[in-house]
Amino acid sequence: MKNKIGRNDLCPCGSGKKYKKCCISIGKLDSAKTWVNDAGMHVIAPGERLTKSQIEQMTKEYQNQIRNSPMWEQMVKEHSTDKAEELLKEFKAEVL
């Protein structure tokens, strides 16, 4: 497990922005434990369980951040735009 992501570290989503200017705003994750491994970015945060609509909103925001990142440009370059959109559907927030 990797150490907690710092506010001034690069965001693990690949946007090239600092974490505080990117994904930290998705869930106000200041007090959360976050790490990245082969399965993706993980967050453990205190609080009540998220609703289905909150999870869907997080997924939309996450997918929009990917569309505005260098990762998206690479996906479109390696695949077609249609295939990249299809692959983007796999990027989603989940609660386990």
C-alpha atoms as a PDB file:
ATOM      1  CA  MET A   1       0.000   0.000   0.000  1.00  0.00           C
ATOM      2  CA  LYS A   2       1.285   3.430  -0.930  1.00  0.00           C
ATOM      3  CA  ASN A   3       1.383   6.337   1.520  1.00  0.00           C
ATOM      4  CA  LYS A   4      -1.452   8.838   1.595  1.00  0.00           C
ATOM      5  CA  ILE A   5      -1.533  11.121  -1.425  1.00  0.00           C
ATOM      6  CA  GLY A   6      -0.454  14.625  -0.456  1.00  0.00           C
ATOM      7  CA  ARG A   7      -2.396  17.701  -1.540  1.00  0.00           C
ATOM      8  CA  ASN A   8       0.574  18.927  -3.600  1.00  0.00           C
ATOM      9  CA  ASP A   9       1.349  15.539  -5.166  1.00  0.00           C
ATOM     10  CA  LEU A  10       0.372  14.891  -8.768  1.00  0.00           C
ATOM     11  CA  CYS A  11      -3.104  13.426  -8.974  1.00  0.00           C
ATOM     12  CA  PRO A  12      -3.141   9.663  -9.527  1.00  0.00           C
ATOM     13  CA  CYS A  13      -5.836  10.032 -12.228  1.00  0.00           C
ATOM     14  CA  GLY A  14      -3.156  11.112 -14.698  1.00  0.00           C
ATOM     15  CA  SER A  15      -4.439  14.631 -15.333  1.00  0.00           C
ATOM     16  CA  GLY A  16      -1.054  16.188 -14.602  1.00  0.00           C
ATOM     17  CA  LYS A  17      -2.672  18.508 -12.044  1.00  0.00           C
ATOM     18  CA  LYS A  18      -1.948  18.623  -8.335  1.00  0.00           C
ATOM     19  CA  TYR A  19      -4.260  16.411  -6.290  1.00  0.00           C
ATOM     20  CA  LYS A  20      -5.706  19.464  -4.488  1.00  0.00           C
ATOM     21  CA  LYS A  21      -6.777  20.938  -7.856  1.00  0.00           C
ATOM     22  CA  CYS A  22      -8.180  17.679  -9.203  1.00  0.00           C
ATOM     23  CA  CYS A  23      -9.698  14.562  -7.629  1.00  0.00           C
ATOM     24  CA  ILE A  24      -9.602  15.759  -4.026  1.00  0.00           C
ATOM     25  CA  SER A  25     -12.715  17.802  -4.817  1.00  0.00           C
ATOM     26  CA  ILE A  26     -14.723  14.714  -5.801  1.00  0.00           C
ATOM     27  CA  GLY A  27     -15.384  13.742  -2.231  1.00  0.00           C
ATOM     28  CA  LYS A  28     -13.547  16.216  -0.033  1.00  0.00           C
ATOM     29  CA  LEU A  29     -11.025  13.495   0.697  1.00  0.00           C
ATOM     30  CA  ASP A  30      -8.714  15.467   3.018  1.00  0.00           C
ATOM     31  CA  SER A  31      -9.201  13.006   5.892  1.00  0.00           C
ATOM     32  CA  ALA A  32      -9.378   9.910   3.687  1.00  0.00           C
ATOM     33  CA  LYS A  33      -6.717   7.301   3.146  1.00  0.00           C
ATOM     34  CA  THR A  34      -5.990   6.935  -0.564  1.00  0.00           C
ATOM     35  CA  TRP A  35      -3.700   4.711  -2.565  1.00  0.00           C
ATOM     36  CA  VAL A  36      -3.208   3.448  -6.100  1.00  0.00           C
ATOM     37  CA  ASN A  37      -2.401  -0.080  -7.211  1.00  0.00           C
ATOM     38  CA  ASP A  38      -3.010  -2.222 -10.285  1.00  0.00           C
ATOM     39  CA  ALA A  39      -6.749  -2.320  -9.520  1.00  0.00           C
ATOM     40  CA  GLY A  40      -7.065   1.490  -9.536  1.00  0.00           C
ATOM     41  CA  MET A  41      -7.343   4.319  -7.039  1.00  0.00           C
ATOM     42  CA  HIS A  42      -8.760   3.339  -3.660  1.00  0.00           C
ATOM     43  CA  VAL A  43     -10.239   5.569  -0.963  1.00  0.00           C
ATOM     44  CA  ILE A  44     -11.218   4.786   2.590  1.00  0.00           C
ATOM     45  CA  ALA A  45     -13.110   7.701   4.083  1.00  0.00           C
ATOM     46  CA  PRO A  46     -15.082   8.176   7.271  1.00  0.00           C
ATOM     47  CA  GLY A  47     -18.761   8.962   7.035  1.00  0.00           C
ATOM     48  CA  GLU A  48     -22.038   7.499   5.936  1.00  0.00           C
ATOM     49  CA  ARG A  49     -22.394   5.151   3.002  1.00  0.00           C
ATOM     50  CA  LEU A  50     -22.799   6.971  -0.320  1.00  0.00           C
ATOM     51  CA  THR A  51     -26.118   6.856  -2.141  1.00  0.00           C
ATOM     52  CA  LYS A  52     -26.430   5.407  -5.637  1.00  0.00           C
ATOM     53  CA  SER A  53     -26.841   8.912  -7.100  1.00  0.00           C
ATOM     54  CA  GLN A  54     -23.701  10.147  -5.298  1.00  0.00           C
ATOM     55  CA  ILE A  55     -21.712   7.225  -6.711  1.00  0.00           C
ATOM     56  CA  GLU A  56     -23.090   7.937 -10.209  1.00  0.00           C
ATOM     57  CA  GLN A  57     -22.117  11.615  -9.845  1.00  0.00           C
ATOM     58  CA  MET A  58     -18.608  10.650  -8.730  1.00  0.00           C
ATOM     59  CA  THR A  59     -18.328   8.364 -11.764  1.00  0.00           C
ATOM     60  CA  LYS A  60     -19.412  11.175 -14.117  1.00  0.00           C
ATOM     61  CA  GLU A  61     -16.903  13.589 -12.573  1.00  0.00           C
ATOM     62  CA  TYR A  62     -14.144  10.981 -12.732  1.00  0.00           C
ATOM     63  CA  GLN A  63     -14.892  10.250 -16.401  1.00  0.00           C
ATOM     64  CA  ASN A  64     -14.935  13.979 -17.202  1.00  0.00           C
ATOM     65  CA  GLN A  65     -11.537  14.387 -15.544  1.00  0.00           C
ATOM     66  CA  ILE A  66     -10.200  11.549 -17.661  1.00  0.00           C
ATOM     67  CA  ARG A  67     -11.590  13.215 -20.821  1.00  0.00           C
ATOM     68  CA  ASN A  68      -9.651  16.364 -19.860  1.00  0.00           C
ATOM     69  CA  SER A  69      -6.392  14.562 -19.134  1.00  0.00           C
ATOM     70  CA  PRO A  70      -3.430  13.376 -21.197  1.00  0.00           C
ATOM     71  CA  MET A  71      -4.745   9.847 -20.609  1.00  0.00           C
ATOM     72  CA  TRP A  72      -7.754  10.601 -22.838  1.00  0.00           C
ATOM     73  CA  GLU A  73      -5.583  11.868 -25.667  1.00  0.00           C
ATOM     74  CA  GLN A  74      -3.550   8.673 -25.482  1.00  0.00           C
ATOM     75  CA  MET A  75      -6.688   6.495 -25.464  1.00  0.00           C
ATOM     76  CA  VAL A  76      -8.038   8.253 -28.581  1.00  0.00           C
ATOM     77  CA  LYS A  77      -4.632   8.029 -30.269  1.00  0.00           C
ATOM     78  CA  GLU A  78      -4.292   4.281 -29.625  1.00  0.00           C
ATOM     79  CA  HIS A  79      -7.956   3.522 -30.352  1.00  0.00           C
ATOM     80  CA  SER A  80     -10.730   5.389 -32.118  1.00  0.00           C
ATOM     81  CA  THR A  81     -12.822   7.983 -30.285  1.00  0.00           C
ATOM     82  CA  ASP A  82     -15.732   5.524 -30.220  1.00  0.00           C
ATOM     83  CA  LYS A  83     -13.556   2.794 -28.676  1.00  0.00           C
ATOM     84  CA  ALA A  84     -12.134   5.281 -26.149  1.00  0.00           C
ATOM     85  CA  GLU A  85     -15.686   6.226 -25.118  1.00  0.00           C
ATOM     86  CA  GLU A  86     -16.481   2.538 -24.709  1.00  0.00           C
ATOM     87  CA  LEU A  87     -13.360   2.017 -22.590  1.00  0.00           C
ATOM     88  CA  LEU A  88     -14.207   5.093 -20.517  1.00  0.00           C
ATOM     89  CA  LYS A  89     -17.348   3.348 -19.269  1.00  0.00           C
ATOM     90  CA  GLU A  90     -15.063   1.000 -17.343  1.00  0.00           C
ATOM     91  CA  PHE A  91     -13.735   3.938 -15.278  1.00  0.00           C
ATOM     92  CA  LYS A  92     -16.269   4.196 -12.474  1.00  0.00           C
ATOM     93  CA  ALA A  93     -16.632   4.767  -8.780  1.00  0.00           C
ATOM     94  CA  GLU A  94     -17.606   1.731  -6.768  1.00  0.00           C
ATOM     95  CA  VAL A  95     -18.382   1.154  -3.121  1.00  0.00           C
ATOM     96  CA  LEU A  96     -17.422  -2.200  -1.694  1.00  0.00           C
END
